[in-house]
Amino acid sequence: MKKYFDVLQLPVGASSTEIKKAYFKLAKLYHPDVNSSADASKKFKEINEAYEFLSDPQKVRNLLYKYTTTKNQKQKRDVKRSESIKRKTTKRASVKKREFERIVNKDTLIKDFKKVGKTMLFFHLTINLFVVFGYLSDSKDKYSISDLPTIFLEVTFTIVVIGSIFLLMIYADYLSHKNS
């Protein structure tokens, strides 16, 4: 919006009569029929756009409302975020060392479980893709198409067992920290 006031060479918040006077003054100066410079046409279009926008108070109000509500929403989000951080910090500062370790370790445990789950899914999909491509590229036809579901089940079972072992190791580590 400030750009429009600059185009009409007015201070921000100029009255409608000032806007109108500035528009007619600049329009006469930069009209393509009067001014033959290369920039005259472009400048005239900018002046018209600025006048169209600034002469409609509803457009100006809408823009101001949109700007202030967006700014207020961002401030509210920032306040909520900082309050959440303060609550967590206060909670962690007020508990004993052992309780603090339990809180931190529980958060870490959840994050580790999610990582293991994602890794298991990735390996499962990757290995199954290798099995399918291996089957398709195998020229000796060792496998029939009916063997694929069995192979997929075996791969799935293997990945689940390996993932379970990792999860148990993470949980055992969590318990050892909790009990120490």
N, C-alpha and C. Protein backbone atom coordinates (compact mmCIF):
# COMPACT_ATOMS: atom_id res chain seq x y z
N MET A 1 0.84 -1.18 0.00
CA MET A 1 0.00 0.00 0.00
C MET A 1 0.88 1.25 0.00
N LYS A 2 2.00 1.17 0.71
CA LYS A 2 2.91 2.31 0.75
C LYS A 2 3.39 2.63 -0.66
N LYS A 3 3.53 1.59 -1.48
CA LYS A 3 3.98 1.76 -2.86
C LYS A 3 3.02 2.69 -3.61
N TYR A 4 1.73 2.51 -3.40
CA TYR A 4 0.75 3.34 -4.10
C TYR A 4 0.87 4.81 -3.69
N PHE A 5 1.07 5.06 -2.42
CA PHE A 5 1.26 6.44 -1.98
C PHE A 5 2.54 7.02 -2.58
N ASP A 6 3.59 6.19 -2.68
CA ASP A 6 4.85 6.65 -3.28
C ASP A 6 4.67 6.98 -4.75
N VAL A 7 3.89 6.16 -5.45
CA VAL A 7 3.66 6.40 -6.88
C VAL A 7 2.99 7.75 -7.08
N LEU A 8 2.02 8.06 -6.22
CA LEU A 8 1.32 9.35 -6.33
C LEU A 8 2.06 10.48 -5.60
N GLN A 9 3.23 10.18 -5.05
CA GLN A 9 4.08 11.15 -4.36
C GLN A 9 3.33 11.81 -3.19
N LEU A 10 2.69 10.96 -2.40
CA LEU A 10 1.91 11.42 -1.25
C LEU A 10 2.39 10.74 0.02
N PRO A 11 2.17 11.38 1.17
CA PRO A 11 2.48 10.69 2.43
C PRO A 11 1.40 9.63 2.71
N VAL A 12 1.77 8.59 3.44
CA VAL A 12 0.83 7.54 3.79
C VAL A 12 -0.30 8.14 4.62
N GLY A 13 -1.53 7.81 4.26
CA GLY A 13 -2.68 8.31 4.99
C GLY A 13 -3.22 9.62 4.43
N ALA A 14 -2.86 9.95 3.20
CA ALA A 14 -3.36 11.19 2.60
C ALA A 14 -4.87 11.11 2.39
N SER A 15 -5.52 12.25 2.40
CA SER A 15 -6.97 12.28 2.25
C SER A 15 -7.37 11.99 0.80
N SER A 16 -8.66 11.74 0.60
CA SER A 16 -9.15 11.41 -0.74
C SER A 16 -9.01 12.59 -1.70
N THR A 17 -9.17 13.81 -1.21
CA THR A 17 -9.00 14.98 -2.10
C THR A 17 -7.54 15.14 -2.51
N GLU A 18 -6.61 14.88 -1.58
CA GLU A 18 -5.18 14.95 -1.92
C GLU A 18 -4.83 13.87 -2.95
N ILE A 19 -5.41 12.68 -2.78
CA ILE A 19 -5.16 11.58 -3.71
C ILE A 19 -5.66 11.97 -5.11
N LYS A 20 -6.85 12.53 -5.17
CA LYS A 20 -7.44 12.93 -6.45
C LYS A 20 -6.60 14.01 -7.13
N LYS A 21 -6.18 15.02 -6.38
CA LYS A 21 -5.37 16.10 -6.95
C LYS A 21 -4.04 15.56 -7.49
N ALA A 22 -3.40 14.72 -6.69
CA ALA A 22 -2.11 14.16 -7.11
C ALA A 22 -2.28 13.30 -8.36
N TYR A 23 -3.36 12.53 -8.41
CA TYR A 23 -3.63 11.68 -9.56
C TYR A 23 -3.77 12.53 -10.83
N PHE A 24 -4.62 13.55 -10.80
CA PHE A 24 -4.83 14.36 -12.00
C PHE A 24 -3.57 15.09 -12.42
N LYS A 25 -2.80 15.55 -11.45
CA LYS A 25 -1.55 16.25 -11.76
C LYS A 25 -0.58 15.32 -12.48
N LEU A 26 -0.39 14.11 -11.91
CA LEU A 26 0.55 13.16 -12.51
C LEU A 26 0.02 12.56 -13.80
N ALA A 27 -1.29 12.35 -13.88
CA ALA A 27 -1.88 11.79 -15.10
C ALA A 27 -1.68 12.75 -16.27
N LYS A 28 -1.85 14.04 -16.03
CA LYS A 28 -1.62 15.03 -17.10
C LYS A 28 -0.15 15.05 -17.51
N LEU A 29 0.71 14.87 -16.55
CA LEU A 29 2.14 14.93 -16.81
C LEU A 29 2.64 13.70 -17.59
N TYR A 30 2.12 12.51 -17.26
CA TYR A 30 2.64 11.28 -17.84
C TYR A 30 1.71 10.63 -18.87
N HIS A 31 0.64 11.29 -19.26
CA HIS A 31 -0.27 10.70 -20.25
C HIS A 31 0.51 10.45 -21.55
N PRO A 32 0.36 9.27 -22.17
CA PRO A 32 1.13 8.95 -23.37
C PRO A 32 0.91 9.93 -24.54
N ASP A 33 -0.24 10.57 -24.61
CA ASP A 33 -0.48 11.54 -25.68
C ASP A 33 0.30 12.83 -25.46
N VAL A 34 0.59 13.14 -24.20
CA VAL A 34 1.29 14.38 -23.86
C VAL A 34 2.79 14.14 -23.74
N ASN A 35 3.17 13.05 -23.08
CA ASN A 35 4.57 12.75 -22.81
C ASN A 35 5.02 11.63 -23.76
N SER A 36 6.07 11.87 -24.53
CA SER A 36 6.51 10.88 -25.52
C SER A 36 7.72 10.06 -25.05
N SER A 37 8.08 10.16 -23.80
CA SER A 37 9.23 9.38 -23.31
C SER A 37 8.87 7.90 -23.24
N ALA A 38 9.90 7.08 -23.19
CA ALA A 38 9.71 5.63 -23.20
C ALA A 38 9.00 5.13 -21.94
N ASP A 39 9.25 5.75 -20.82
CA ASP A 39 8.66 5.32 -19.55
C ASP A 39 7.27 5.91 -19.29
N ALA A 40 6.81 6.81 -20.11
CA ALA A 40 5.56 7.52 -19.84
C ALA A 40 4.38 6.56 -19.76
N SER A 41 4.29 5.64 -20.68
CA SER A 41 3.17 4.70 -20.70
C SER A 41 3.18 3.83 -19.44
N LYS A 42 4.34 3.33 -19.09
CA LYS A 42 4.47 2.48 -17.89
C LYS A 42 4.12 3.27 -16.63
N LYS A 43 4.66 4.46 -16.53
CA LYS A 43 4.41 5.31 -15.36
C LYS A 43 2.92 5.67 -15.27
N PHE A 44 2.29 5.93 -16.42
CA PHE A 44 0.87 6.28 -16.45
C PHE A 44 0.02 5.11 -15.93
N LYS A 45 0.41 3.88 -16.33
CA LYS A 45 -0.32 2.69 -15.84
C LYS A 45 -0.17 2.54 -14.33
N GLU A 46 1.03 2.78 -13.81
CA GLU A 46 1.25 2.70 -12.36
C GLU A 46 0.42 3.74 -11.62
N ILE A 47 0.34 4.94 -12.18
CA ILE A 47 -0.45 6.02 -11.56
C ILE A 47 -1.92 5.64 -11.53
N ASN A 48 -2.42 5.09 -12.64
CA ASN A 48 -3.82 4.66 -12.69
C ASN A 48 -4.11 3.54 -11.69
N GLU A 49 -3.20 2.58 -11.60
CA GLU A 49 -3.37 1.48 -10.65
C GLU A 49 -3.41 2.01 -9.21
N ALA A 50 -2.49 2.90 -8.90
CA ALA A 50 -2.43 3.47 -7.55
C ALA A 50 -3.71 4.24 -7.24
N TYR A 51 -4.19 5.03 -8.20
CA TYR A 51 -5.41 5.80 -7.98
C TYR A 51 -6.62 4.88 -7.82
N GLU A 52 -6.70 3.84 -8.67
CA GLU A 52 -7.82 2.88 -8.58
C GLU A 52 -7.87 2.26 -7.19
N PHE A 53 -6.72 1.90 -6.69
CA PHE A 53 -6.68 1.25 -5.38
C PHE A 53 -7.00 2.23 -4.26
N LEU A 54 -6.32 3.37 -4.26
CA LEU A 54 -6.46 4.31 -3.14
C LEU A 54 -7.79 5.06 -3.16
N SER A 55 -8.44 5.13 -4.31
CA SER A 55 -9.72 5.84 -4.36
C SER A 55 -10.86 5.00 -3.81
N ASP A 56 -10.62 3.69 -3.65
CA ASP A 56 -11.66 2.81 -3.09
C ASP A 56 -11.33 2.54 -1.62
N PRO A 57 -12.03 3.19 -0.69
CA PRO A 57 -11.69 3.01 0.72
C PRO A 57 -11.91 1.58 1.21
N GLN A 58 -12.82 0.85 0.57
CA GLN A 58 -13.07 -0.53 0.99
C GLN A 58 -11.83 -1.41 0.72
N LYS A 59 -11.20 -1.20 -0.42
CA LYS A 59 -9.98 -1.96 -0.73
C LYS A 59 -8.88 -1.65 0.28
N VAL A 60 -8.74 -0.39 0.61
CA VAL A 60 -7.72 0.01 1.58
C VAL A 60 -8.01 -0.62 2.93
N ARG A 61 -9.29 -0.58 3.35
CA ARG A 61 -9.68 -1.19 4.63
C ARG A 61 -9.42 -2.69 4.63
N ASN A 62 -9.79 -3.36 3.53
CA ASN A 62 -9.58 -4.81 3.44
C ASN A 62 -8.11 -5.16 3.56
N LEU A 63 -7.27 -4.39 2.87
CA LEU A 63 -5.84 -4.65 2.92
C LEU A 63 -5.30 -4.42 4.33
N LEU A 64 -5.71 -3.33 4.94
CA LEU A 64 -5.27 -3.05 6.31
C LEU A 64 -5.74 -4.14 7.27
N TYR A 65 -6.99 -4.59 7.10
CA TYR A 65 -7.53 -5.65 7.97
C TYR A 65 -6.75 -6.93 7.78
N LYS A 66 -6.48 -7.28 6.52
CA LYS A 66 -5.74 -8.51 6.23
C LYS A 66 -4.34 -8.43 6.85
N TYR A 67 -3.70 -7.29 6.70
CA TYR A 67 -2.35 -7.11 7.25
C TYR A 67 -2.36 -7.23 8.77
N THR A 68 -3.30 -6.56 9.42
CA THR A 68 -3.31 -6.58 10.89
C THR A 68 -3.72 -7.94 11.43
N THR A 69 -4.67 -8.63 10.78
CA THR A 69 -5.07 -9.95 11.29
C THR A 69 -3.95 -10.96 11.09
N THR A 70 -3.24 -10.90 9.97
CA THR A 70 -2.12 -11.80 9.75
C THR A 70 -1.03 -11.55 10.78
N LYS A 71 -0.77 -10.29 11.05
CA LYS A 71 0.24 -9.92 12.04
C LYS A 71 -0.19 -10.39 13.43
N ASN A 72 -1.47 -10.20 13.77
CA ASN A 72 -1.97 -10.63 15.08
C ASN A 72 -1.92 -12.14 15.22
N GLN A 73 -2.27 -12.87 14.16
CA GLN A 73 -2.21 -14.33 14.22
C GLN A 73 -0.79 -14.80 14.45
N LYS A 74 0.16 -14.18 13.77
CA LYS A 74 1.57 -14.55 13.95
C LYS A 74 2.00 -14.26 15.39
N GLN A 75 1.59 -13.13 15.93
CA GLN A 75 1.94 -12.79 17.31
C GLN A 75 1.33 -13.80 18.27
N LYS A 76 0.07 -14.19 18.05
CA LYS A 76 -0.58 -15.17 18.92
C LYS A 76 0.15 -16.51 18.86
N ARG A 77 0.54 -16.93 17.64
CA ARG A 77 1.27 -18.18 17.48
C ARG A 77 2.60 -18.12 18.23
N ASP A 78 3.29 -16.99 18.10
CA ASP A 78 4.58 -16.83 18.78
C ASP A 78 4.40 -16.85 20.30
N VAL A 79 3.33 -16.22 20.79
CA VAL A 79 3.06 -16.21 22.23
C VAL A 79 2.78 -17.63 22.72
N LYS A 80 1.94 -18.38 21.99
CA LYS A 80 1.65 -19.76 22.38
C LYS A 80 2.91 -20.61 22.41
N ARG A 81 3.75 -20.43 21.38
CA ARG A 81 4.99 -21.20 21.30
C ARG A 81 5.90 -20.88 22.47
N SER A 82 6.03 -19.59 22.79
CA SER A 82 6.91 -19.21 23.90
C SER A 82 6.34 -19.67 25.24
N GLU A 83 4.99 -19.63 25.38
CA GLU A 83 4.38 -20.13 26.61
C GLU A 83 4.62 -21.63 26.77
N SER A 84 4.53 -22.37 25.67
CA SER A 84 4.78 -23.81 25.72
C SER A 84 6.22 -24.09 26.13
N ILE A 85 7.15 -23.34 25.59
CA ILE A 85 8.55 -23.52 25.95
C ILE A 85 8.77 -23.17 27.42
N LYS A 86 8.14 -22.09 27.89
CA LYS A 86 8.27 -21.70 29.30
C LYS A 86 7.71 -22.79 30.21
N ARG A 87 6.54 -23.35 29.84
CA ARG A 87 5.95 -24.43 30.66
C ARG A 87 6.88 -25.62 30.76
N LYS A 88 7.42 -26.05 29.61
CA LYS A 88 8.33 -27.20 29.61
C LYS A 88 9.58 -26.90 30.42
N THR A 89 10.12 -25.71 30.23
CA THR A 89 11.33 -25.33 30.96
C THR A 89 11.07 -25.27 32.46
N THR A 90 9.95 -24.68 32.85
CA THR A 90 9.59 -24.57 34.26
C THR A 90 9.39 -25.96 34.86
N LYS A 91 8.70 -26.83 34.12
CA LYS A 91 8.45 -28.18 34.61
C LYS A 91 9.76 -28.93 34.80
N ARG A 92 10.65 -28.81 33.82
CA ARG A 92 11.93 -29.51 33.91
C ARG A 92 12.80 -28.93 35.02
N ALA A 93 12.70 -27.63 35.24
CA ALA A 93 13.53 -27.00 36.27
C ALA A 93 13.01 -27.32 37.68
N SER A 94 11.71 -27.58 37.81
CA SER A 94 11.14 -27.78 39.13
C SER A 94 11.24 -29.23 39.61
N VAL A 95 11.49 -30.17 38.74
CA VAL A 95 11.55 -31.57 39.16
C VAL A 95 12.95 -31.95 39.59
N LYS A 96 13.03 -33.05 40.32
CA LYS A 96 14.33 -33.54 40.76
C LYS A 96 15.08 -34.13 39.57
N LYS A 97 16.37 -34.37 39.78
CA LYS A 97 17.22 -34.87 38.70
C LYS A 97 16.68 -36.17 38.12
N ARG A 98 16.28 -37.06 38.98
CA ARG A 98 15.80 -38.36 38.52
C ARG A 98 14.53 -38.22 37.68
N GLU A 99 13.62 -37.38 38.14
CA GLU A 99 12.37 -37.13 37.42
C GLU A 99 12.66 -36.46 36.07
N PHE A 100 13.61 -35.55 36.06
CA PHE A 100 13.99 -34.86 34.82
C PHE A 100 14.50 -35.86 33.79
N GLU A 101 15.35 -36.77 34.25
CA GLU A 101 15.89 -37.78 33.33
C GLU A 101 14.76 -38.66 32.78
N ARG A 102 13.76 -38.94 33.62
CA ARG A 102 12.64 -39.77 33.16
C ARG A 102 11.85 -39.03 32.07
N ILE A 103 11.61 -37.75 32.27
CA ILE A 103 10.85 -36.96 31.28
C ILE A 103 11.61 -36.90 29.97
N VAL A 104 12.91 -36.57 30.06
CA VAL A 104 13.71 -36.45 28.84
C VAL A 104 13.83 -37.80 28.15
N ASN A 105 14.08 -38.85 28.93
CA ASN A 105 14.23 -40.17 28.34
C ASN A 105 12.94 -40.66 27.70
N LYS A 106 11.78 -40.33 28.28
CA LYS A 106 10.51 -40.74 27.68
C LYS A 106 10.32 -40.07 26.33
N ASP A 107 10.64 -38.78 26.24
CA ASP A 107 10.55 -38.08 24.95
C ASP A 107 11.51 -38.70 23.94
N THR A 108 12.71 -38.99 24.39
CA THR A 108 13.71 -39.60 23.52
C THR A 108 13.26 -40.99 23.08
N LEU A 109 12.67 -41.74 24.01
CA LEU A 109 12.18 -43.08 23.69
C LEU A 109 11.13 -43.03 22.58
N ILE A 110 10.20 -42.12 22.69
CA ILE A 110 9.15 -42.00 21.68
C ILE A 110 9.76 -41.64 20.33
N LYS A 111 10.70 -40.70 20.32
CA LYS A 111 11.36 -40.32 19.07
C LYS A 111 12.13 -41.50 18.47
N ASP A 112 12.83 -42.26 19.33
CA ASP A 112 13.58 -43.41 18.84
C ASP A 112 12.66 -44.48 18.27
N PHE A 113 11.52 -44.72 18.91
CA PHE A 113 10.56 -45.69 18.40
C PHE A 113 10.05 -45.27 17.02
N LYS A 114 9.79 -43.99 16.86
CA LYS A 114 9.32 -43.50 15.55
C LYS A 114 10.40 -43.69 14.48
N LYS A 115 11.64 -43.40 14.85
CA LYS A 115 12.73 -43.56 13.89
C LYS A 115 12.87 -45.02 13.47
N VAL A 116 12.80 -45.93 14.45
CA VAL A 116 12.92 -47.36 14.14
C VAL A 116 11.77 -47.80 13.25
N GLY A 117 10.57 -47.33 13.54
CA GLY A 117 9.42 -47.69 12.71
C GLY A 117 9.59 -47.23 11.28
N LYS A 118 10.04 -46.00 11.09
CA LYS A 118 10.25 -45.49 9.74
C LYS A 118 11.36 -46.27 9.03
N THR A 119 12.43 -46.57 9.78
CA THR A 119 13.53 -47.33 9.19
C THR A 119 13.08 -48.72 8.79
N MET A 120 12.29 -49.37 9.65
CA MET A 120 11.78 -50.70 9.32
C MET A 120 10.93 -50.66 8.06
N LEU A 121 10.07 -49.69 7.95
CA LEU A 121 9.23 -49.55 6.76
C LEU A 121 10.08 -49.35 5.51
N PHE A 122 11.10 -48.50 5.62
CA PHE A 122 11.98 -48.25 4.48
C PHE A 122 12.68 -49.53 4.05
N PHE A 123 13.26 -50.26 5.02
CA PHE A 123 13.95 -51.49 4.67
C PHE A 123 12.99 -52.54 4.10
N HIS A 124 11.81 -52.60 4.65
CA HIS A 124 10.82 -53.55 4.16
C HIS A 124 10.49 -53.28 2.69
N LEU A 125 10.22 -52.04 2.38
CA LEU A 125 9.90 -51.69 0.99
C LEU A 125 11.09 -51.91 0.07
N THR A 126 12.28 -51.54 0.54
CA THR A 126 13.49 -51.69 -0.28
C THR A 126 13.77 -53.16 -0.57
N ILE A 127 13.72 -53.99 0.44
CA ILE A 127 14.01 -55.41 0.24
C ILE A 127 12.95 -56.05 -0.66
N ASN A 128 11.68 -55.69 -0.47
CA ASN A 128 10.65 -56.25 -1.34
C ASN A 128 10.85 -55.81 -2.79
N LEU A 129 11.31 -54.58 -3.00
CA LEU A 129 11.60 -54.14 -4.37
C LEU A 129 12.75 -54.94 -4.97
N PHE A 130 13.78 -55.21 -4.18
CA PHE A 130 14.89 -56.02 -4.66
C PHE A 130 14.41 -57.43 -5.01
N VAL A 131 13.54 -57.97 -4.20
CA VAL A 131 13.01 -59.32 -4.47
C VAL A 131 12.25 -59.32 -5.78
N VAL A 132 11.40 -58.34 -5.99
CA VAL A 132 10.62 -58.28 -7.22
C VAL A 132 11.53 -58.11 -8.43
N PHE A 133 12.50 -57.16 -8.34
CA PHE A 133 13.41 -56.97 -9.47
C PHE A 133 14.29 -58.20 -9.68
N GLY A 134 14.68 -58.84 -8.60
CA GLY A 134 15.45 -60.08 -8.74
C GLY A 134 14.64 -61.16 -9.42
N TYR A 135 13.38 -61.24 -9.08
CA TYR A 135 12.50 -62.22 -9.71
C TYR A 135 12.33 -61.90 -11.20
N LEU A 136 12.13 -60.62 -11.50
CA LEU A 136 11.90 -60.25 -12.90
C LEU A 136 13.16 -60.41 -13.75
N SER A 137 14.33 -60.18 -13.14
CA SER A 137 15.56 -60.26 -13.91
C SER A 137 16.17 -61.65 -13.92
N ASP A 138 15.63 -62.57 -13.15
CA ASP A 138 16.18 -63.93 -13.07
C ASP A 138 15.82 -64.68 -14.35
N SER A 139 16.85 -65.03 -15.10
CA SER A 139 16.60 -65.70 -16.38
C SER A 139 16.43 -67.21 -16.23
N LYS A 140 16.84 -67.76 -15.10
CA LYS A 140 16.76 -69.20 -14.92
C LYS A 140 15.39 -69.66 -14.46
N ASP A 141 14.53 -68.71 -14.12
CA ASP A 141 13.15 -69.03 -13.67
C ASP A 141 13.14 -70.00 -12.50
N LYS A 142 13.95 -69.67 -11.47
CA LYS A 142 13.96 -70.50 -10.26
C LYS A 142 12.64 -70.38 -9.50
N TYR A 143 12.03 -69.21 -9.59
CA TYR A 143 10.81 -68.95 -8.83
C TYR A 143 9.62 -68.88 -9.78
N SER A 144 8.51 -69.30 -9.25
CA SER A 144 7.28 -69.10 -10.01
C SER A 144 6.56 -67.89 -9.41
N ILE A 145 5.56 -67.41 -10.10
CA ILE A 145 4.81 -66.25 -9.63
C ILE A 145 4.09 -66.56 -8.31
N SER A 146 3.78 -67.79 -8.08
CA SER A 146 3.10 -68.16 -6.83
C SER A 146 4.04 -68.10 -5.63
N ASP A 147 5.35 -68.04 -5.86
CA ASP A 147 6.32 -67.96 -4.76
C ASP A 147 6.45 -66.54 -4.20
N LEU A 148 6.03 -65.53 -4.94
CA LEU A 148 6.21 -64.14 -4.50
C LEU A 148 5.52 -63.83 -3.17
N PRO A 149 4.25 -64.19 -2.96
CA PRO A 149 3.64 -63.89 -1.65
C PRO A 149 4.39 -64.53 -0.49
N THR A 150 4.88 -65.72 -0.69
CA THR A 150 5.64 -66.40 0.37
C THR A 150 6.94 -65.65 0.65
N ILE A 151 7.60 -65.21 -0.40
CA ILE A 151 8.85 -64.47 -0.24
C ILE A 151 8.57 -63.15 0.48
N PHE A 152 7.49 -62.46 0.09
CA PHE A 152 7.14 -61.21 0.76
C PHE A 152 6.86 -61.43 2.24
N LEU A 153 6.17 -62.51 2.58
CA LEU A 153 5.89 -62.81 3.99
C LEU A 153 7.18 -63.09 4.75
N GLU A 154 8.10 -63.83 4.13
CA GLU A 154 9.37 -64.11 4.79
C GLU A 154 10.16 -62.82 5.04
N VAL A 155 10.18 -61.95 4.05
CA VAL A 155 10.89 -60.68 4.20
C VAL A 155 10.24 -59.85 5.30
N THR A 156 8.90 -59.77 5.28
CA THR A 156 8.17 -59.02 6.30
C THR A 156 8.47 -59.56 7.68
N PHE A 157 8.43 -60.87 7.84
CA PHE A 157 8.69 -61.49 9.14
C PHE A 157 10.11 -61.15 9.60
N THR A 158 11.06 -61.24 8.71
CA THR A 158 12.46 -60.95 9.06
C THR A 158 12.61 -59.49 9.51
N ILE A 159 12.00 -58.57 8.77
CA ILE A 159 12.09 -57.15 9.13
C ILE A 159 11.42 -56.90 10.47
N VAL A 160 10.28 -57.52 10.72
CA VAL A 160 9.58 -57.33 12.00
C VAL A 160 10.42 -57.86 13.15
N VAL A 161 11.05 -59.01 12.97
CA VAL A 161 11.89 -59.57 14.03
C VAL A 161 13.08 -58.65 14.30
N ILE A 162 13.75 -58.19 13.25
CA ILE A 162 14.90 -57.31 13.43
C ILE A 162 14.46 -56.00 14.09
N GLY A 163 13.35 -55.43 13.62
CA GLY A 163 12.84 -54.20 14.22
C GLY A 163 12.46 -54.37 15.67
N SER A 164 11.86 -55.51 15.99
CA SER A 164 11.49 -55.78 17.39
C SER A 164 12.72 -55.86 18.28
N ILE A 165 13.76 -56.46 17.77
CA ILE A 165 15.01 -56.54 18.53
C ILE A 165 15.55 -55.13 18.80
N PHE A 166 15.53 -54.27 17.77
CA PHE A 166 15.97 -52.88 17.96
C PHE A 166 15.10 -52.16 18.98
N LEU A 167 13.79 -52.35 18.89
CA LEU A 167 12.89 -51.70 19.84
C LEU A 167 13.14 -52.18 21.27
N LEU A 168 13.38 -53.47 21.43
CA LEU A 168 13.68 -54.00 22.76
C LEU A 168 15.00 -53.44 23.30
N MET A 169 15.97 -53.29 22.42
CA MET A 169 17.24 -52.72 22.85
C MET A 169 17.06 -51.26 23.30
N ILE A 170 16.27 -50.51 22.56
CA ILE A 170 16.01 -49.11 22.93
C ILE A 170 15.26 -49.05 24.25
N TYR A 171 14.27 -49.93 24.42
CA TYR A 171 13.47 -49.93 25.64
C TYR A 171 14.32 -50.36 26.84
N ALA A 172 15.20 -51.32 26.63
CA ALA A 172 16.09 -51.76 27.72
C ALA A 172 17.02 -50.60 28.12
N ASP A 173 17.51 -49.88 27.17
CA ASP A 173 18.36 -48.72 27.45
C ASP A 173 17.57 -47.68 28.24
N TYR A 174 16.33 -47.46 27.85
CA TYR A 174 15.45 -46.52 28.57
C TYR A 174 15.24 -46.95 30.02
N LEU A 175 14.98 -48.25 30.21
CA LEU A 175 14.76 -48.76 31.56
C LEU A 175 16.02 -48.66 32.42
N SER A 176 17.17 -48.89 31.80
CA SER A 176 18.42 -48.80 32.59
C SER A 176 18.66 -47.35 33.02
N HIS A 177 18.33 -46.39 32.18
CA HIS A 177 18.47 -44.98 32.57
C HIS A 177 17.42 -44.60 33.62
N LYS A 178 16.25 -45.18 33.49
CA LYS A 178 15.17 -44.85 34.42
C LYS A 178 15.50 -45.36 35.82
N ASN A 179 16.07 -46.55 35.89
CA ASN A 179 16.34 -47.16 37.19
C ASN A 179 17.64 -46.68 37.82
N SER A 180 18.50 -46.06 37.05
CA SER A 180 19.78 -45.60 37.64
C SER A 180 19.66 -44.28 38.34
